[in-house]
Amino acid sequence: MNQPDQVRISFRQLLAFFIPLGISASLVTISHVIINSTLARSAHPELLIASYALPMSILGITERPAVLLRQTCSALVRDRRSFRAMSLVGLYVLGSIFLIGGLISYTPVGPWVFLHLFGADEQLAGPMVNVYRVLMFVSIFSGIRCIFHGIIIFNMRTKWLTIGMLIRLAGMYALSLYFIKTGVTSGTVGAVIFLTGMIIEAAVSFWEGRALLRRIPEKKPDHEIERPKQIFQFYKPLLYSSAIAVIAGPAINAFLGKTTQLELSIAAFAIAGSLTQLVQSFFSYIHQIVLNFYRKDAAAVRRFTLMLSLIPSCLIALLAYTSAGPWFMEQVMGVNERLMLASLSTLKVFMIMTFIFPWLDFGNGLLMLRSQTKVMVWSQAANVLTLLVTLVICIAAAPGWNGMIGALAQSLGMVAEALVVLYMLREFARSENRPLPHIHTTTRKNNESSESL
């Protein structure tokens, strides 16, 4: 039987859907390139980038609950009453984040975390705490931004996400030029640039989101979300599954603190990682292609993914194995020769991850399409476990690999995650093709009843 929703999807349609998403995702990573480029122009780039990178790892943990507010809001808010419930949840979440930030910034917890958990030198602990005192406010403004992003998304005004990001980058770049001209003296410079950009983007999102709120009804008759408890029922599973993933960044930086050249390792990993993320982020919405088009034309989606999957690795190879990489790092990012060579070596290892990532995102899209998102908890667990084992082995056997250790651990972790996703998808496919025993039993009983009549 032919299904009515089976239609031919053209390559042009897929590109028209995908390119705006890819551009908006890529613009996010330019923020980190701007900051690392600014810190790299200081008199002691390795020291400053290291003092900024480790507090950023903690921000990766504290900001994640704020970022999840975007998906929650876009999925559940359809009227002003549900938005008020969402706002209360946001207030609880951001209040908790602010409390954690205060403990790290203004109590002995902060120095202890950087000294003992991350293995930083004693001379770096103070500067790292100062950096985090600025970064803790990034999570707050990120949460405000994400709540209003949810309003913008469900109203189909997604161009405002791109507009907000462009204005944010312009502000960050202008401030970066100011600091380069007046002097980059500490890692706090990077935190101030990041916070300024987040405030700008949050302001743009708030302005457009409030305008859209005035147009939606007070209560939509067929929308049942009214209380914060209902919002939390959706939000908490997202939080639990993402909690596993945020372990990776801090773990890598903590183990890089045990390499033979601490500052060089962390700085090289940060620069190579930011470039890899810049390339890879453009292709981070393949799961949306799967969700929106796979049931309409699965073959077209597979062909499109196959084409896209080769591009990230080709771009990283261009940077790592040709003169384009050294030129970009020296002329655009202002990296010195020693740090450039270490970053290029780390970038070559990251190629493993760029081969895997597009297909992992494709597989995750299929899991979401099947409503089998619980698998992602197990795949993330496999990722982190493999990452930790790799870090332990490499630090014990080859601490002189420096930043390459982090790149290898992150890449092999993603390989393990992809293998779990692939295995589960194959199991689901086999179970669907396997005949169900209870159906035969029921049929046999029905036949026996018919014969007795």
Protein backbone atom coordinates (compact mmCIF):
# COMPACT_ATOMS: atom_id res chain seq x y z
CA MET A 1 0.00 0.00 0.00
CA ASN A 2 1.33 3.44 -0.90
CA GLN A 3 1.45 5.85 1.99
CA PRO A 4 0.10 9.30 1.23
CA ASP A 5 2.97 11.13 2.95
CA GLN A 6 5.63 9.53 0.72
CA VAL A 7 6.77 12.36 -1.56
CA ARG A 8 9.93 13.22 -3.43
CA ILE A 9 12.12 15.75 -1.60
CA SER A 10 14.49 17.70 -3.81
CA PHE A 11 18.09 18.50 -2.95
CA ARG A 12 17.23 22.18 -3.19
CA GLN A 13 14.49 21.83 -0.55
CA LEU A 14 16.88 20.15 1.85
CA LEU A 15 19.50 22.85 1.30
CA ALA A 16 16.94 25.63 1.81
CA PHE A 17 15.98 24.08 5.14
CA PHE A 18 19.49 23.19 6.29
CA ILE A 19 21.69 26.16 5.36
CA PRO A 20 20.02 28.78 7.65
CA LEU A 21 20.30 26.35 10.58
CA GLY A 22 23.93 25.65 9.78
CA ILE A 23 24.80 29.33 9.54
CA SER A 24 23.20 30.15 12.89
CA ALA A 25 25.04 27.26 14.58
CA SER A 26 28.38 28.28 13.06
CA LEU A 27 28.00 31.84 14.26
CA VAL A 28 27.86 30.58 17.86
CA THR A 29 31.35 29.09 17.66
CA ILE A 30 32.84 32.28 16.22
CA SER A 31 32.37 33.75 19.71
CA HIS A 32 35.00 31.39 21.09
CA VAL A 33 37.33 31.99 18.16
CA ILE A 34 37.13 35.76 18.81
CA ILE A 35 37.93 35.26 22.50
CA ASN A 36 40.81 32.81 21.97
CA SER A 37 42.25 35.05 19.26
CA THR A 38 42.14 38.00 21.64
CA LEU A 39 43.85 36.11 24.47
CA ALA A 40 46.43 34.72 22.02
CA ARG A 41 47.68 38.28 21.36
CA SER A 42 48.77 38.77 24.97
CA ALA A 43 52.35 38.61 26.20
CA HIS A 44 51.68 35.20 27.80
CA PRO A 45 49.00 33.56 25.59
CA GLU A 46 49.31 30.02 26.95
CA LEU A 47 48.88 31.18 30.54
CA LEU A 48 45.89 33.42 29.78
CA ILE A 49 44.09 30.89 27.56
CA ALA A 50 44.56 28.22 30.24
CA SER A 51 43.21 30.55 32.95
CA TYR A 52 40.14 31.17 30.76
CA ALA A 53 39.61 27.61 29.43
CA LEU A 54 39.26 25.87 32.81
CA PRO A 55 36.55 28.21 34.17
CA MET A 56 34.80 27.80 30.80
CA SER A 57 34.66 24.08 31.52
CA ILE A 58 32.68 24.80 34.70
CA LEU A 59 30.46 27.19 32.73
CA GLY A 60 29.74 24.29 30.36
CA ILE A 61 28.18 22.50 33.34
CA THR A 62 26.30 25.41 34.90
CA GLU A 63 25.01 26.79 31.59
CA ARG A 64 23.58 23.49 30.30
CA PRO A 65 20.41 23.64 32.48
CA ALA A 66 19.84 27.17 31.16
CA VAL A 67 20.23 26.11 27.52
CA LEU A 68 17.67 23.31 27.99
CA LEU A 69 15.07 25.98 28.72
CA ARG A 70 15.01 26.71 24.97
CA GLN A 71 13.72 23.26 23.95
CA THR A 72 11.32 23.18 26.88
CA CYS A 73 9.81 26.57 26.07
CA SER A 74 9.49 25.94 22.33
CA ALA A 75 7.76 22.60 23.00
CA LEU A 76 5.36 23.60 25.79
CA VAL A 77 4.56 27.33 25.68
CA ARG A 78 1.54 28.16 23.52
CA ASP A 79 -0.23 30.87 25.55
CA ARG A 80 0.54 33.43 28.25
CA ARG A 81 -0.52 31.13 31.08
CA SER A 82 1.93 28.43 30.05
CA PHE A 83 4.59 31.10 29.62
CA ARG A 84 4.09 32.23 33.22
CA ALA A 85 4.57 28.62 34.35
CA MET A 86 7.68 28.45 32.17
CA SER A 87 8.98 31.68 33.68
CA LEU A 88 8.68 30.24 37.20
CA VAL A 89 10.63 27.16 36.17
CA GLY A 90 13.22 29.44 34.59
CA LEU A 91 13.43 31.41 37.83
CA TYR A 92 14.06 28.22 39.85
CA VAL A 93 16.71 27.02 37.40
CA LEU A 94 18.55 30.34 37.10
CA GLY A 95 18.38 30.87 40.87
CA SER A 96 20.04 27.50 41.42
CA ILE A 97 22.72 28.31 38.84
CA PHE A 98 23.39 31.67 40.52
CA LEU A 99 23.75 29.97 43.92
CA ILE A 100 26.29 27.47 42.54
CA GLY A 101 28.18 30.30 40.84
CA GLY A 102 28.34 32.23 44.09
CA LEU A 103 29.77 29.24 45.95
CA ILE A 104 32.51 28.77 43.36
CA SER A 105 33.30 32.48 43.10
CA TYR A 106 33.22 33.65 46.70
CA THR A 107 33.93 30.65 48.94
CA PRO A 108 36.91 28.25 49.30
CA VAL A 109 35.03 25.84 47.02
CA GLY A 110 36.33 27.68 43.94
CA PRO A 111 40.08 27.44 44.61
CA TRP A 112 39.64 23.83 45.76
CA VAL A 113 37.88 22.91 42.49
CA PHE A 114 40.62 24.44 40.32
CA LEU A 115 43.54 23.15 42.42
CA HIS A 116 42.40 19.62 43.24
CA LEU A 117 39.71 18.72 40.70
CA PHE A 118 41.37 20.32 37.67
CA GLY A 119 44.96 20.00 38.86
CA ALA A 120 45.82 23.63 38.11
CA ASP A 121 48.97 25.28 39.42
CA GLU A 122 48.55 27.29 42.60
CA GLN A 123 49.46 30.50 40.76
CA LEU A 124 46.56 29.92 38.33
CA ALA A 125 43.85 29.34 40.95
CA GLY A 126 43.34 33.02 41.78
CA PRO A 127 43.10 34.19 38.13
CA MET A 128 40.69 31.32 37.34
CA VAL A 129 38.37 32.29 40.19
CA ASN A 130 38.42 35.90 38.93
CA VAL A 131 37.47 34.70 35.44
CA TYR A 132 34.58 32.65 36.78
CA ARG A 133 33.23 35.59 38.81
CA VAL A 134 32.43 37.15 35.43
CA LEU A 135 31.42 33.95 33.64
CA MET A 136 28.82 33.01 36.28
CA PHE A 137 26.59 35.79 34.94
CA VAL A 138 26.83 34.34 31.40
CA SER A 139 24.60 31.42 32.49
CA ILE A 140 21.94 33.82 33.78
CA PHE A 141 21.70 35.84 30.58
CA SER A 142 21.94 32.63 28.53
CA GLY A 143 18.85 31.31 30.34
CA ILE A 144 16.91 34.52 29.65
CA ARG A 145 17.96 34.32 26.01
CA CYS A 146 16.90 30.67 25.68
CA ILE A 147 13.45 31.20 27.21
CA PHE A 148 12.67 33.90 24.65
CA HIS A 149 14.30 31.83 21.90
CA GLY A 150 11.59 29.27 22.62
CA ILE A 151 8.89 31.92 22.04
CA ILE A 152 10.57 33.01 18.81
CA ILE A 153 10.96 29.44 17.51
CA PHE A 154 7.36 28.31 17.96
CA ASN A 155 6.20 31.54 16.29
CA MET A 156 8.35 30.68 13.25
CA ARG A 157 10.44 33.87 13.59
CA THR A 158 13.76 32.02 13.64
CA LYS A 159 15.53 34.70 11.60
CA TRP A 160 15.73 36.66 14.87
CA LEU A 161 18.06 34.02 16.30
CA THR A 162 20.48 34.77 13.47
CA ILE A 163 19.98 38.55 13.80
CA GLY A 164 20.64 38.40 17.53
CA MET A 165 23.79 36.33 16.99
CA LEU A 166 25.13 38.73 14.34
CA ILE A 167 24.63 41.72 16.64
CA ARG A 168 26.26 39.77 19.48
CA LEU A 169 29.33 38.94 17.37
CA ALA A 170 29.66 42.54 16.21
CA GLY A 171 29.67 43.72 19.82
CA MET A 172 32.17 41.06 20.88
CA TYR A 173 34.50 41.85 17.99
CA ALA A 174 34.41 45.58 18.72
CA LEU A 175 35.24 44.93 22.37
CA SER A 176 37.98 42.50 21.31
CA LEU A 177 39.62 45.21 19.18
CA TYR A 178 39.44 47.59 22.16
CA PHE A 179 41.24 45.14 24.44
CA ILE A 180 43.85 44.31 21.79
CA LYS A 181 44.57 48.03 21.43
CA THR A 182 44.68 48.79 25.17
CA GLY A 183 46.34 45.53 26.23
CA VAL A 184 45.26 41.98 27.08
CA THR A 185 46.53 41.37 30.60
CA SER A 186 44.38 38.55 32.05
CA GLY A 187 41.93 35.78 31.19
CA THR A 188 39.16 37.98 32.63
CA VAL A 189 39.28 39.88 29.33
CA GLY A 190 37.86 36.80 27.57
CA ALA A 191 35.12 36.47 30.19
CA VAL A 192 34.11 40.14 29.84
CA ILE A 193 33.91 39.78 26.04
CA PHE A 194 31.76 36.64 26.36
CA LEU A 195 29.43 38.18 28.94
CA THR A 196 28.96 41.32 26.83
CA GLY A 197 28.00 39.23 23.82
CA MET A 198 25.52 37.16 25.83
CA ILE A 199 23.88 40.30 27.27
CA ILE A 200 23.46 41.69 23.74
CA GLU A 201 21.89 38.48 22.42
CA ALA A 202 19.62 38.17 25.46
CA ALA A 203 18.44 41.77 24.94
CA VAL A 204 17.58 41.14 21.27
CA SER A 205 15.73 37.91 22.15
CA PHE A 206 13.85 39.61 25.00
CA TRP A 207 12.80 42.50 22.72
CA GLU A 208 11.43 40.25 19.97
CA GLY A 209 10.05 37.63 22.37
CA ARG A 210 8.05 40.18 24.41
CA ALA A 211 6.54 41.55 21.20
CA LEU A 212 5.43 38.05 20.19
CA LEU A 213 3.99 37.35 23.65
CA ARG A 214 1.55 40.22 23.26
CA ARG A 215 0.07 38.48 20.20
CA ILE A 216 -0.61 35.07 21.71
CA PRO A 217 -3.82 34.36 23.69
CA GLU A 218 -4.08 34.41 27.47
CA LYS A 219 -5.37 30.81 27.42
CA LYS A 220 -5.48 28.48 24.45
CA PRO A 221 -8.48 26.12 24.87
CA ASP A 222 -6.74 22.92 23.73
CA HIS A 223 -3.45 23.58 25.57
CA GLU A 224 -3.23 21.88 28.96
CA ILE A 225 0.13 23.24 30.22
CA GLU A 226 -0.69 25.59 33.10
CA ARG A 227 1.54 24.76 36.09
CA PRO A 228 5.30 24.63 36.70
CA LYS A 229 4.95 20.97 37.71
CA GLN A 230 3.92 20.10 34.16
CA ILE A 231 6.93 21.99 32.80
CA PHE A 232 9.29 20.15 35.16
CA GLN A 233 7.94 16.77 34.00
CA PHE A 234 9.24 17.59 30.52
CA TYR A 235 12.39 19.42 31.63
CA LYS A 236 13.89 17.00 34.16
CA PRO A 237 14.51 14.06 31.76
CA LEU A 238 16.37 16.45 29.45
CA LEU A 239 18.46 17.58 32.39
CA TYR A 240 19.31 14.06 33.51
CA SER A 241 20.41 12.92 30.06
CA SER A 242 22.56 16.00 29.47
CA ALA A 243 24.19 15.75 32.90
CA ILE A 244 26.28 12.84 31.66
CA ALA A 245 27.52 14.73 28.61
CA VAL A 246 28.85 17.75 30.50
CA ILE A 247 31.42 15.59 32.32
CA ALA A 248 33.55 15.39 29.18
CA GLY A 249 34.86 18.97 29.03
CA PRO A 250 35.98 19.29 32.66
CA ALA A 251 37.46 15.77 32.59
CA ILE A 252 39.60 16.56 29.56
CA ASN A 253 40.92 19.82 31.01
CA ALA A 254 41.54 18.16 34.38
CA PHE A 255 43.65 15.42 32.77
CA LEU A 256 45.44 17.88 30.49
CA GLY A 257 46.56 19.53 33.73
CA LYS A 258 48.62 16.38 34.35
CA THR A 259 50.52 16.49 31.03
CA THR A 260 54.19 17.48 30.77
CA GLN A 261 53.36 20.99 29.50
CA LEU A 262 50.11 22.05 31.20
CA GLU A 263 49.58 25.52 29.69
CA LEU A 264 50.60 24.42 26.19
CA SER A 265 48.32 21.36 26.33
CA ILE A 266 45.23 23.27 27.43
CA ALA A 267 45.85 26.16 25.03
CA ALA A 268 46.47 23.87 22.03
CA PHE A 269 43.39 21.80 22.82
CA ALA A 270 41.29 24.98 23.21
CA ILE A 271 42.41 26.42 19.86
CA ALA A 272 42.14 23.14 17.91
CA GLY A 273 38.82 22.40 19.59
CA SER A 274 37.39 25.81 18.73
CA LEU A 275 38.37 25.40 15.07
CA THR A 276 36.94 21.87 14.95
CA GLN A 277 33.73 23.07 16.55
CA LEU A 278 33.58 25.98 14.11
CA VAL A 279 33.68 23.55 11.18
CA GLN A 280 31.50 20.89 12.79
CA SER A 281 28.80 23.20 14.15
CA PHE A 282 27.52 23.96 10.65
CA PHE A 283 26.58 20.30 10.33
CA SER A 284 25.03 19.93 13.79
CA TYR A 285 21.42 20.07 12.57
CA ILE A 286 21.37 16.88 10.50
CA HIS A 287 18.99 15.46 13.11
CA GLN A 288 16.49 18.16 12.11
CA ILE A 289 16.72 17.00 8.49
CA VAL A 290 15.87 13.49 9.70
CA LEU A 291 12.98 14.67 11.88
CA ASN A 292 11.38 16.80 9.18
CA PHE A 293 12.04 14.83 5.98
CA TYR A 294 12.97 11.18 6.69
CA ARG A 295 9.41 9.85 6.68
CA LYS A 296 8.71 11.75 3.47
CA ASP A 297 11.77 10.64 1.50
CA ALA A 298 14.26 8.49 3.44
CA ALA A 299 16.50 7.87 0.42
CA ALA A 300 16.93 11.59 -0.24
CA VAL A 301 17.85 12.22 3.40
CA ARG A 302 20.44 9.43 3.35
CA ARG A 303 22.01 10.79 0.14
CA PHE A 304 22.05 14.30 1.55
CA THR A 305 23.69 13.10 4.79
CA LEU A 306 26.29 11.13 2.84
CA MET A 307 27.26 14.26 0.94
CA LEU A 308 27.42 16.41 4.07
CA SER A 309 29.35 13.83 6.10
CA LEU A 310 32.50 14.25 4.00
CA ILE A 311 32.71 18.05 4.21
CA PRO A 312 33.81 18.54 7.88
CA SER A 313 36.74 16.13 7.52
CA CYS A 314 37.83 17.76 4.25
CA LEU A 315 37.80 21.21 5.86
CA ILE A 316 39.79 20.05 8.90
CA ALA A 317 42.28 18.27 6.61
CA LEU A 318 42.69 21.54 4.69
CA LEU A 319 43.65 23.32 7.92
CA ALA A 320 45.77 20.51 9.36
CA TYR A 321 47.74 19.39 6.28
CA THR A 322 48.10 22.48 4.09
CA SER A 323 49.55 25.96 4.55
CA ALA A 324 46.02 27.28 5.15
CA GLY A 325 46.13 26.14 8.80
CA PRO A 326 49.41 27.85 9.79
CA TRP A 327 48.39 31.01 7.91
CA PHE A 328 45.00 31.15 9.63
CA MET A 329 46.42 30.57 13.10
CA GLU A 330 49.27 33.06 12.73
CA GLN A 331 47.62 35.84 10.71
CA VAL A 332 43.98 35.63 11.81
CA MET A 333 44.24 34.22 15.33
CA GLY A 334 47.66 35.69 16.17
CA VAL A 335 49.03 32.41 17.58
CA ASN A 336 52.80 32.09 18.08
CA GLU A 337 54.75 29.35 16.30
CA ARG A 338 55.11 27.01 19.29
CA LEU A 339 51.41 27.07 20.08
CA MET A 340 50.53 26.83 16.37
CA LEU A 341 52.50 23.59 15.91
CA ALA A 342 50.91 22.04 18.99
CA SER A 343 47.44 23.11 17.82
CA LEU A 344 47.99 21.64 14.33
CA SER A 345 49.00 18.27 15.84
CA THR A 346 45.84 18.30 17.97
CA LEU A 347 43.73 19.27 14.97
CA LYS A 348 44.92 16.19 13.03
CA VAL A 349 43.62 13.92 15.79
CA PHE A 350 40.25 15.71 15.77
CA MET A 351 39.70 14.43 12.22
CA ILE A 352 38.50 11.14 13.75
CA MET A 353 35.61 12.99 15.38
CA THR A 354 34.65 14.89 12.23
CA PHE A 355 34.25 11.59 10.36
CA ILE A 356 31.88 10.24 13.02
CA PHE A 357 29.84 13.26 14.08
CA PRO A 358 27.50 13.69 11.04
CA TRP A 359 26.42 10.05 11.21
CA LEU A 360 25.99 10.18 14.97
CA ASP A 361 23.69 13.16 14.54
CA PHE A 362 21.83 11.25 11.82
CA GLY A 363 21.40 8.28 14.17
CA ASN A 364 20.22 10.51 17.00
CA GLY A 365 17.67 11.98 14.62
CA LEU A 366 16.33 8.48 13.93
CA LEU A 367 16.11 7.81 17.67
CA MET A 368 14.12 11.01 18.17
CA LEU A 369 11.89 10.08 15.26
CA ARG A 370 11.16 6.75 16.97
CA SER A 371 10.73 8.44 20.39
CA GLN A 372 13.57 6.28 21.68
CA THR A 373 15.50 9.13 23.30
CA LYS A 374 16.29 7.03 26.40
CA VAL A 375 18.97 5.34 24.28
CA MET A 376 20.86 8.64 24.27
CA VAL A 377 21.48 8.29 28.00
CA TRP A 378 23.28 4.98 27.43
CA SER A 379 25.16 6.23 24.37
CA GLN A 380 26.34 9.30 26.29
CA ALA A 381 27.42 7.05 29.15
CA ALA A 382 29.47 4.96 26.69
CA ASN A 383 31.00 8.17 25.33
CA VAL A 384 32.09 9.45 28.74
CA LEU A 385 33.34 6.05 29.93
CA THR A 386 35.48 5.59 26.82
CA LEU A 387 36.75 9.16 27.11
CA LEU A 388 37.83 8.66 30.75
CA VAL A 389 39.54 5.34 30.03
CA THR A 390 41.43 6.91 27.11
CA LEU A 391 42.53 9.86 29.25
CA VAL A 392 43.81 7.60 32.02
CA ILE A 393 45.75 5.38 29.62
CA CYS A 394 47.27 8.25 27.65
CA ILE A 395 48.30 10.26 30.71
CA ALA A 396 49.98 7.18 32.15
CA ALA A 397 51.63 6.04 28.92
CA ALA A 398 52.27 9.21 26.90
CA PRO A 399 51.88 12.47 28.87
CA GLY A 400 54.06 14.19 26.28
CA TRP A 401 51.25 14.01 23.71
CA ASN A 402 49.82 17.10 25.44
CA GLY A 403 46.72 18.50 23.69
CA MET A 404 46.47 15.47 21.40
CA ILE A 405 45.41 13.39 24.41
CA GLY A 406 42.23 15.44 24.79
CA ALA A 407 41.44 15.25 21.08
CA LEU A 408 41.94 11.47 21.01
CA ALA A 409 39.80 10.92 24.11
CA GLN A 410 36.96 13.07 22.76
CA SER A 411 37.11 11.38 19.36
CA LEU A 412 37.11 7.82 20.70
CA GLY A 413 34.28 8.73 23.06
CA MET A 414 32.20 9.80 20.08
CA VAL A 415 33.05 6.56 18.28
CA ALA A 416 31.71 4.59 21.27
CA GLU A 417 28.56 6.72 21.36
CA ALA A 418 27.93 6.16 17.66
CA LEU A 419 28.40 2.40 18.04
CA VAL A 420 25.76 2.24 20.79
CA VAL A 421 23.31 4.26 18.67
CA LEU A 422 23.98 2.06 15.62
CA TYR A 423 23.54 -1.13 17.65
CA MET A 424 20.23 0.00 19.13
CA LEU A 425 18.88 1.16 15.77
CA ARG A 426 19.69 -2.26 14.29
CA GLU A 427 17.99 -3.97 17.23
CA PHE A 428 14.88 -1.84 16.74
CA ALA A 429 14.86 -2.69 13.03
CA ARG A 430 15.20 -6.42 13.75
CA SER A 431 12.41 -6.38 16.33
CA GLU A 432 10.10 -4.68 13.85
CA ASN A 433 10.80 -7.32 11.21
CA ARG A 434 10.49 -10.24 13.68
CA PRO A 435 7.03 -11.86 13.81
CA LEU A 436 5.19 -11.33 17.09
CA PRO A 437 4.37 -14.63 18.88
CA HIS A 438 1.18 -13.40 20.55
CA ILE A 439 -0.34 -12.57 17.18
CA HIS A 440 0.04 -16.20 16.04
CA THR A 441 -1.40 -17.46 19.32
CA THR A 442 -4.42 -15.24 18.97
CA THR A 443 -4.93 -16.31 15.36
CA ARG A 444 -4.72 -20.00 16.26
CA LYS A 445 -7.29 -19.60 19.04
CA ASN A 446 -9.62 -17.75 16.71
CA ASN A 447 -9.30 -20.51 14.11
CA GLU A 448 -10.05 -23.20 16.70
CA SER A 449 -13.12 -21.26 17.83
CA SER A 450 -14.32 -21.02 14.24
CA GLU A 451 -13.93 -24.78 13.71
CA SER A 452 -15.90 -25.57 16.88
CA LEU A 453 -18.77 -23.50 15.54
